[in-house]
């Protein structure tokens, strides 16, 4: 498990505070699919992800999960809600087995007098704002094709690690839509997937999809023409 001093926000603390901190935290272990907290819950504790990965999601009135993001250790979770004494804006669920350390906010406030600690906290909050901005852009601007193309460009390894339904959930699209778009990409000669390994054959086409938020009528026009006339090799 990752040590507290290896997390930037706590590495900024003086040694005496680090020793105090280790006596103040409460360690909880979770199994895969365990809920850490629900949307609407309140907590007096800062949640520090020390091991494993979690997903944060909101639930629509129809019961559909709208995934906000995934985080892997080490990181802070929902620190804004802790400092503002607000309810959690989303549900947090483990996607692996993992461990979380809980630190009461009263003790956390004691450390804010240290400039280095406060600076690291500001950096953490700022990074979450940028993630939220990115999410809003993707959900309001990008088409399903563009979401998948963008993820292939930026985080190709995800396609080799996660199942299709998990990736679809990350992108907030249905598994059926995700599968249909993958098939379309393969037919157009943009990608190839064998044994759960993604190979990008035409990266330029992926950039075109993201930049224009649409797909060319055909990127592999010869194959498209053969398909149209029913030609089989």
C-alpha atoms as a PDB file:
ATOM      1  CA  UNK A   1       0.000   0.000   0.000  1.00  0.00           C
ATOM      2  CA  UNK A   2       1.158   3.542  -0.742  1.00  0.00           C
ATOM      3  CA  UNK A   3       2.542   5.465   2.218  1.00  0.00           C
ATOM      4  CA  UNK A   4       1.027   8.804   3.286  1.00  0.00           C
ATOM      5  CA  UNK A   5       4.319  10.626   2.807  1.00  0.00           C
ATOM      6  CA  UNK A   6       4.302   9.537  -0.846  1.00  0.00           C
ATOM      7  CA  UNK A   7       1.162  11.607  -1.500  1.00  0.00           C
ATOM      8  CA  UNK A   8       2.116  15.189  -2.521  1.00  0.00           C
ATOM      9  CA  UNK A   9      -0.295  16.928  -0.146  1.00  0.00           C
ATOM     10  CA  UNK A  10       1.095  15.062   2.869  1.00  0.00           C
ATOM     11  CA  UNK A  11       4.710  15.044   1.759  1.00  0.00           C
ATOM     12  CA  UNK A  12       4.519  18.818   2.266  1.00  0.00           C
ATOM     13  CA  UNK A  13       3.932  18.354   5.997  1.00  0.00           C
ATOM     14  CA  UNK A  14       6.686  18.639   8.579  1.00  0.00           C
ATOM     15  CA  UNK A  15       7.827  15.362  10.134  1.00  0.00           C
ATOM     16  CA  UNK A  16       6.101  16.044  13.447  1.00  0.00           C
ATOM     17  CA  UNK A  17       2.764  16.427  11.661  1.00  0.00           C
ATOM     18  CA  UNK A  18       3.337  13.273   9.646  1.00  0.00           C
ATOM     19  CA  UNK A  19       3.846  11.313  12.856  1.00  0.00           C
ATOM     20  CA  UNK A  20       0.641  12.802  14.260  1.00  0.00           C
ATOM     21  CA  UNK A  21      -1.213  12.055  11.047  1.00  0.00           C
ATOM     22  CA  UNK A  22      -0.439   8.338  11.147  1.00  0.00           C
ATOM     23  CA  UNK A  23      -2.063   8.136  14.560  1.00  0.00           C
ATOM     24  CA  UNK A  24      -5.129  10.139  13.493  1.00  0.00           C
ATOM     25  CA  UNK A  25      -6.202   8.316  10.342  1.00  0.00           C
ATOM     26  CA  UNK A  26      -8.665   5.445  10.211  1.00  0.00           C
ATOM     27  CA  UNK A  27      -7.945   2.755   7.601  1.00  0.00           C
ATOM     28  CA  UNK A  28     -10.812   0.975   5.817  1.00  0.00           C
ATOM     29  CA  UNK A  29     -10.479  -1.908   3.365  1.00  0.00           C
ATOM     30  CA  UNK A  30     -13.004  -2.439   0.579  1.00  0.00           C
ATOM     31  CA  UNK A  31     -13.799  -5.203  -1.878  1.00  0.00           C
ATOM     32  CA  UNK A  32     -14.650  -4.639  -5.531  1.00  0.00           C
ATOM     33  CA  UNK A  33     -18.076  -2.968  -6.114  1.00  0.00           C
ATOM     34  CA  UNK A  34     -18.255  -1.749  -2.506  1.00  0.00           C
ATOM     35  CA  UNK A  35     -19.809   1.696  -2.052  1.00  0.00           C
ATOM     36  CA  UNK A  36     -17.606   4.217  -0.247  1.00  0.00           C
ATOM     37  CA  UNK A  37     -20.344   6.849  -0.031  1.00  0.00           C
ATOM     38  CA  UNK A  38     -23.589   7.662  -1.814  1.00  0.00           C
ATOM     39  CA  UNK A  39     -24.595  10.844  -3.584  1.00  0.00           C
ATOM     40  CA  UNK A  40     -26.254  13.000  -0.919  1.00  0.00           C
ATOM     41  CA  UNK A  41     -24.332  11.550   2.046  1.00  0.00           C
ATOM     42  CA  UNK A  42     -22.450  13.794   4.436  1.00  0.00           C
ATOM     43  CA  UNK A  43     -19.120  13.113   6.078  1.00  0.00           C
ATOM     44  CA  UNK A  44     -16.771  14.762   8.532  1.00  0.00           C
ATOM     45  CA  UNK A  45     -13.808  12.937   7.006  1.00  0.00           C
ATOM     46  CA  UNK A  46     -11.425  13.480   4.146  1.00  0.00           C
ATOM     47  CA  UNK A  47     -11.217  10.320   2.029  1.00  0.00           C
ATOM     48  CA  UNK A  48      -7.708   9.383   0.908  1.00  0.00           C
ATOM     49  CA  UNK A  49      -7.510   6.616  -1.687  1.00  0.00           C
ATOM     50  CA  UNK A  50      -4.420   4.592  -0.777  1.00  0.00           C
ATOM     51  CA  UNK A  51      -4.919   1.436  -2.828  1.00  0.00           C
ATOM     52  CA  UNK A  52      -7.100   0.429  -5.781  1.00  0.00           C
ATOM     53  CA  UNK A  53      -9.394   2.359  -8.136  1.00  0.00           C
ATOM     54  CA  UNK A  54     -12.812   3.957  -7.714  1.00  0.00           C
ATOM     55  CA  UNK A  55     -15.421   5.483  -9.978  1.00  0.00           C
ATOM     56  CA  UNK A  56     -17.573   8.511  -9.185  1.00  0.00           C
ATOM     57  CA  UNK A  57     -21.017   8.701 -10.736  1.00  0.00           C
ATOM     58  CA  UNK A  58     -24.342  10.471 -10.467  1.00  0.00           C
ATOM     59  CA  UNK A  59     -27.670   8.717 -10.922  1.00  0.00           C
ATOM     60  CA  UNK A  60     -30.323  10.130 -13.255  1.00  0.00           C
ATOM     61  CA  UNK A  61     -34.048  10.135 -12.301  1.00  0.00           C
ATOM     62  CA  UNK A  62     -34.423   7.053 -14.531  1.00  0.00           C
ATOM     63  CA  UNK A  63     -31.719   5.231 -12.570  1.00  0.00           C
ATOM     64  CA  UNK A  64     -29.000   5.559 -15.218  1.00  0.00           C
ATOM     65  CA  UNK A  65     -25.421   5.966 -13.994  1.00  0.00           C
ATOM     66  CA  UNK A  66     -23.649   9.048 -15.347  1.00  0.00           C
ATOM     67  CA  UNK A  67     -19.988   8.443 -14.693  1.00  0.00           C
ATOM     68  CA  UNK A  68     -17.977  11.511 -13.742  1.00  0.00           C
ATOM     69  CA  UNK A  69     -14.508  10.033 -13.508  1.00  0.00           C
ATOM     70  CA  UNK A  70     -12.286   7.235 -12.295  1.00  0.00           C
ATOM     71  CA  UNK A  71      -9.412   7.675  -9.867  1.00  0.00           C
ATOM     72  CA  UNK A  72      -6.536   5.386  -8.972  1.00  0.00           C
ATOM     73  CA  UNK A  73      -4.431   5.553  -5.832  1.00  0.00           C
ATOM     74  CA  UNK A  74      -2.934   7.719  -4.537  1.00  0.00           C
ATOM     75  CA  UNK A  75      -5.418  10.599  -4.572  1.00  0.00           C
ATOM     76  CA  UNK A  76      -7.919  12.544  -2.500  1.00  0.00           C
ATOM     77  CA  UNK A  77     -11.623  11.932  -3.097  1.00  0.00           C
ATOM     78  CA  UNK A  78     -14.327  14.610  -2.871  1.00  0.00           C
ATOM     79  CA  UNK A  79     -12.119  16.948  -0.845  1.00  0.00           C
ATOM     80  CA  UNK A  80     -14.303  19.929  -1.775  1.00  0.00           C
ATOM     81  CA  UNK A  81     -17.306  18.402   0.016  1.00  0.00           C
ATOM     82  CA  UNK A  82     -15.156  17.857   3.106  1.00  0.00           C
ATOM     83  CA  UNK A  83     -13.914  21.440   3.326  1.00  0.00           C
ATOM     84  CA  UNK A  84     -17.246  23.045   2.502  1.00  0.00           C
ATOM     85  CA  UNK A  85     -19.172  20.671   4.815  1.00  0.00           C
ATOM     86  CA  UNK A  86     -21.413  19.853   1.848  1.00  0.00           C
ATOM     87  CA  UNK A  87     -23.113  16.607   0.871  1.00  0.00           C
ATOM     88  CA  UNK A  88     -21.238  14.383  -1.560  1.00  0.00           C
ATOM     89  CA  UNK A  89     -22.232  15.363  -5.121  1.00  0.00           C
ATOM     90  CA  UNK A  90     -21.762  11.821  -6.467  1.00  0.00           C
ATOM     91  CA  UNK A  91     -21.581   8.164  -5.472  1.00  0.00           C
ATOM     92  CA  UNK A  92     -18.156   6.574  -5.025  1.00  0.00           C
ATOM     93  CA  UNK A  93     -17.743   2.874  -5.799  1.00  0.00           C
ATOM     94  CA  UNK A  94     -14.661   0.669  -5.918  1.00  0.00           C
ATOM     95  CA  UNK A  95     -13.916  -0.967  -9.277  1.00  0.00           C
ATOM     96  CA  UNK A  96     -11.144  -3.036  -7.649  1.00  0.00           C
ATOM     97  CA  UNK A  97     -10.348  -4.136  -4.127  1.00  0.00           C
ATOM     98  CA  UNK A  98      -8.813  -1.223  -2.283  1.00  0.00           C
ATOM     99  CA  UNK A  99      -8.061   0.827   0.804  1.00  0.00           C
ATOM    100  CA  UNK A 100      -9.114   4.281   1.970  1.00  0.00           C
ATOM    101  CA  UNK A 101      -7.729   6.318   4.859  1.00  0.00           C
ATOM    102  CA  UNK A 102     -10.146   8.637   6.664  1.00  0.00           C
ATOM    103  CA  UNK A 103      -8.934  11.842   8.308  1.00  0.00           C
ATOM    104  CA  UNK A 104     -11.314  13.974  10.385  1.00  0.00           C
ATOM    105  CA  UNK A 105     -11.613  17.486   8.993  1.00  0.00           C
ATOM    106  CA  UNK A 106     -10.865  19.065  12.424  1.00  0.00           C
ATOM    107  CA  UNK A 107      -7.385  17.554  12.306  1.00  0.00           C
ATOM    108  CA  UNK A 108      -7.027  18.515   8.647  1.00  0.00           C
ATOM    109  CA  UNK A 109      -7.685  22.177   9.488  1.00  0.00           C
ATOM    110  CA  UNK A 110      -4.752  22.114  11.901  1.00  0.00           C
ATOM    111  CA  UNK A 111      -2.407  21.611   8.943  1.00  0.00           C
ATOM    112  CA  UNK A 112      -3.706  24.503   6.842  1.00  0.00           C
ATOM    113  CA  UNK A 113      -1.395  26.939   8.636  1.00  0.00           C
ATOM    114  CA  UNK A 114       1.474  25.363   6.718  1.00  0.00           C
ATOM    115  CA  UNK A 115       1.882  27.144   3.341  1.00  0.00           C
ATOM    116  CA  UNK A 116       3.356  24.106   1.575  1.00  0.00           C
ATOM    117  CA  UNK A 117       0.435  21.931   2.637  1.00  0.00           C
ATOM    118  CA  UNK A 118      -2.132  24.545   1.601  1.00  0.00           C
ATOM    119  CA  UNK A 119      -0.470  24.926  -1.805  1.00  0.00           C
ATOM    120  CA  UNK A 120      -0.668  21.188  -2.477  1.00  0.00           C
ATOM    121  CA  UNK A 121      -4.325  21.218  -1.461  1.00  0.00           C
ATOM    122  CA  UNK A 122      -5.033  24.061  -3.896  1.00  0.00           C
ATOM    123  CA  UNK A 123      -3.309  22.075  -6.657  1.00  0.00           C
ATOM    124  CA  UNK A 124      -5.497  19.068  -5.898  1.00  0.00           C
ATOM    125  CA  UNK A 125      -8.689  21.132  -5.995  1.00  0.00           C
ATOM    126  CA  UNK A 126      -7.614  22.854  -9.222  1.00  0.00           C
ATOM    127  CA  UNK A 127      -6.947  19.536 -10.942  1.00  0.00           C
ATOM    128  CA  UNK A 128     -10.481  18.374 -10.047  1.00  0.00           C
ATOM    129  CA  UNK A 129     -11.933  21.582 -11.521  1.00  0.00           C
ATOM    130  CA  UNK A 130     -10.076  20.884 -14.762  1.00  0.00           C
ATOM    131  CA  UNK A 131     -11.409  17.310 -14.796  1.00  0.00           C
ATOM    132  CA  UNK A 132     -14.952  18.597 -14.338  1.00  0.00           C
ATOM    133  CA  UNK A 133     -14.464  21.108 -17.153  1.00  0.00           C
ATOM    134  CA  UNK A 134     -13.247  18.316 -19.411  1.00  0.00           C
ATOM    135  CA  UNK A 135     -16.264  16.178 -18.496  1.00  0.00           C
ATOM    136  CA  UNK A 136     -18.714  19.004 -19.278  1.00  0.00           C
ATOM    137  CA  UNK A 137     -17.022  19.511 -22.651  1.00  0.00           C
ATOM    138  CA  UNK A 138     -17.236  15.838 -23.533  1.00  0.00           C
ATOM    139  CA  UNK A 139     -20.834  15.418 -22.410  1.00  0.00           C
ATOM    140  CA  UNK A 140     -22.168  18.560 -24.088  1.00  0.00           C
ATOM    141  CA  UNK A 141     -19.986  18.811 -27.190  1.00  0.00           C
ATOM    142  CA  UNK A 142     -18.554  15.464 -28.270  1.00  0.00           C
ATOM    143  CA  UNK A 143     -20.541  12.835 -30.145  1.00  0.00           C
ATOM    144  CA  UNK A 144     -20.268   9.173 -29.114  1.00  0.00           C
ATOM    145  CA  UNK A 145     -17.812   8.562 -31.979  1.00  0.00           C
ATOM    146  CA  UNK A 146     -15.679  11.522 -30.877  1.00  0.00           C
ATOM    147  CA  UNK A 147     -15.684  10.368 -27.228  1.00  0.00           C
ATOM    148  CA  UNK A 148     -14.346   6.956 -28.231  1.00  0.00           C
ATOM    149  CA  UNK A 149     -11.801   8.399 -30.664  1.00  0.00           C
ATOM    150  CA  UNK A 150     -10.573  10.852 -28.012  1.00  0.00           C
ATOM    151  CA  UNK A 151     -10.119   8.052 -25.482  1.00  0.00           C
ATOM    152  CA  UNK A 152      -8.244   5.926 -28.035  1.00  0.00           C
ATOM    153  CA  UNK A 153      -5.832   8.784 -28.674  1.00  0.00           C
ATOM    154  CA  UNK A 154      -5.245   9.736 -25.035  1.00  0.00           C
ATOM    155  CA  UNK A 155      -5.589   6.454 -23.129  1.00  0.00           C
ATOM    156  CA  UNK A 156      -5.126   3.585 -25.532  1.00  0.00           C
ATOM    157  CA  UNK A 157      -4.129   1.162 -22.764  1.00  0.00           C
ATOM    158  CA  UNK A 158      -7.644   1.349 -21.271  1.00  0.00           C
ATOM    159  CA  UNK A 159      -8.934  -0.651 -24.220  1.00  0.00           C
ATOM    160  CA  UNK A 160      -6.460  -3.413 -23.394  1.00  0.00           C
ATOM    161  CA  UNK A 161      -7.294  -3.484 -19.670  1.00  0.00           C
ATOM    162  CA  UNK A 162     -11.038  -2.957 -19.341  1.00  0.00           C
ATOM    163  CA  UNK A 163     -14.057  -4.744 -20.731  1.00  0.00           C
ATOM    164  CA  UNK A 164     -16.160  -3.022 -23.388  1.00  0.00           C
ATOM    165  CA  UNK A 165     -19.093  -2.468 -21.026  1.00  0.00           C
ATOM    166  CA  UNK A 166     -16.761  -0.817 -18.478  1.00  0.00           C
ATOM    167  CA  UNK A 167     -15.360   1.567 -21.099  1.00  0.00           C
ATOM    168  CA  UNK A 168     -18.873   2.336 -22.320  1.00  0.00           C
ATOM    169  CA  UNK A 169     -19.849   3.193 -18.744  1.00  0.00           C
ATOM    170  CA  UNK A 170     -16.851   5.524 -18.442  1.00  0.00           C
ATOM    171  CA  UNK A 171     -17.982   7.366 -21.561  1.00  0.00           C
ATOM    172  CA  UNK A 172     -21.641   7.389 -20.531  1.00  0.00           C
ATOM    173  CA  UNK A 173     -22.816   5.571 -23.646  1.00  0.00           C
ATOM    174  CA  UNK A 174     -24.651   2.261 -23.929  1.00  0.00           C
ATOM    175  CA  UNK A 175     -22.652  -0.949 -24.519  1.00  0.00           C
ATOM    176  CA  UNK A 176     -24.622  -1.443 -27.761  1.00  0.00           C
ATOM    177  CA  UNK A 177     -23.613   1.991 -29.079  1.00  0.00           C
ATOM    178  CA  UNK A 178     -20.000   1.391 -28.050  1.00  0.00           C
ATOM    179  CA  UNK A 179     -19.901  -1.979 -29.843  1.00  0.00           C
ATOM    180  CA  UNK A 180     -21.519  -0.514 -32.963  1.00  0.00           C
ATOM    181  CA  UNK A 181     -18.954   2.295 -33.165  1.00  0.00           C
ATOM    182  CA  UNK A 182     -16.028  -0.093 -32.665  1.00  0.00           C
ATOM    183  CA  UNK A 183     -17.364  -2.210 -35.542  1.00  0.00           C
ATOM    184  CA  UNK A 184     -17.678   0.928 -37.669  1.00  0.00           C
ATOM    185  CA  UNK A 185     -14.099   1.971 -36.860  1.00  0.00           C
ATOM    186  CA  UNK A 186     -12.835  -1.495 -37.795  1.00  0.00           C
ATOM    187  CA  UNK A 187     -14.738  -1.554 -41.093  1.00  0.00           C
ATOM    188  CA  UNK A 188     -13.274   1.826 -41.989  1.00  0.00           C
ATOM    189  CA  UNK A 189      -9.749   0.573 -41.337  1.00  0.00           C
ATOM    190  CA  UNK A 190      -9.175   2.985 -38.468  1.00  0.00           C
ATOM    191  CA  UNK A 191      -8.469   0.352 -35.817  1.00  0.00           C
ATOM    192  CA  UNK A 192      -8.026  -3.349 -35.341  1.00  0.00           C
ATOM    193  CA  UNK A 193      -8.794  -5.305 -32.174  1.00  0.00           C
ATOM    194  CA  UNK A 194      -7.554  -8.845 -31.664  1.00  0.00           C
ATOM    195  CA  UNK A 195      -7.375 -10.745 -28.392  1.00  0.00           C
ATOM    196  CA  UNK A 196      -8.520  -7.635 -26.530  1.00  0.00           C
ATOM    197  CA  UNK A 197      -5.570  -5.594 -27.875  1.00  0.00           C
ATOM    198  CA  UNK A 198      -6.269  -2.305 -29.636  1.00  0.00           C
ATOM    199  CA  UNK A 199      -4.154  -1.410 -32.673  1.00  0.00           C
ATOM    200  CA  UNK A 200      -4.611   2.040 -34.197  1.00  0.00           C
ATOM    201  CA  UNK A 201      -4.202   1.836 -37.973  1.00  0.00           C
ATOM    202  CA  UNK A 202      -5.197   5.393 -38.878  1.00  0.00           C
ATOM    203  CA  UNK A 203      -4.531   7.877 -36.089  1.00  0.00           C
ATOM    204  CA  UNK A 204      -5.215  10.815 -38.405  1.00  0.00           C
ATOM    205  CA  UNK A 205      -8.789   9.574 -38.841  1.00  0.00           C
ATOM    206  CA  UNK A 206      -9.254   9.534 -35.047  1.00  0.00           C
ATOM    207  CA  UNK A 207      -8.032  13.139 -34.780  1.00  0.00           C
ATOM    208  CA  UNK A 208     -10.405  14.088 -37.603  1.00  0.00           C
ATOM    209  CA  UNK A 209     -13.341  12.560 -35.709  1.00  0.00           C
ATOM    210  CA  UNK A 210     -12.469  14.471 -32.516  1.00  0.00           C
ATOM    211  CA  UNK A 211     -11.783  17.787 -34.276  1.00  0.00           C
ATOM    212  CA  UNK A 212     -14.884  17.733 -36.467  1.00  0.00           C
ATOM    213  CA  UNK A 213     -17.081  15.802 -34.019  1.00  0.00           C
ATOM    214  CA  UNK A 214     -18.104  13.574 -36.895  1.00  0.00           C
ATOM    215  CA  UNK A 215     -16.817  10.812 -39.100  1.00  0.00           C
ATOM    216  CA  UNK A 216     -15.955  10.988 -42.786  1.00  0.00           C
ATOM    217  CA  UNK A 217     -18.349   9.109 -45.015  1.00  0.00           C
ATOM    218  CA  UNK A 218     -15.533   6.642 -45.601  1.00  0.00           C
ATOM    219  CA  UNK A 219     -11.916   6.625 -44.525  1.00  0.00           C
ATOM    220  CA  UNK A 220     -11.270   3.326 -46.291  1.00  0.00           C
ATOM    221  CA  UNK A 221     -13.282   4.042 -49.399  1.00  0.00           C
ATOM    222  CA  UNK A 222     -12.218   0.972 -51.384  1.00  0.00           C
ATOM    223  CA  UNK A 223     -13.441  -1.335 -48.633  1.00  0.00           C
ATOM    224  CA  UNK A 224     -16.598   0.753 -48.343  1.00  0.00           C
ATOM    225  CA  UNK A 225     -17.253   0.492 -52.098  1.00  0.00           C
ATOM    226  CA  UNK A 226     -16.722  -3.280 -52.065  1.00  0.00           C
ATOM    227  CA  UNK A 227     -19.169  -3.589 -49.214  1.00  0.00           C
ATOM    228  CA  UNK A 228     -21.738  -1.460 -51.024  1.00  0.00           C
ATOM    229  CA  UNK A 229     -21.676  -3.641 -54.152  1.00  0.00           C
ATOM    230  CA  UNK A 230     -21.573  -6.866 -52.158  1.00  0.00           C
ATOM    231  CA  UNK A 231     -18.107  -7.831 -53.338  1.00  0.00           C
ATOM    232  CA  UNK A 232     -16.490 -10.703 -51.413  1.00  0.00           C
ATOM    233  CA  UNK A 233     -12.851 -11.767 -51.748  1.00  0.00           C
END
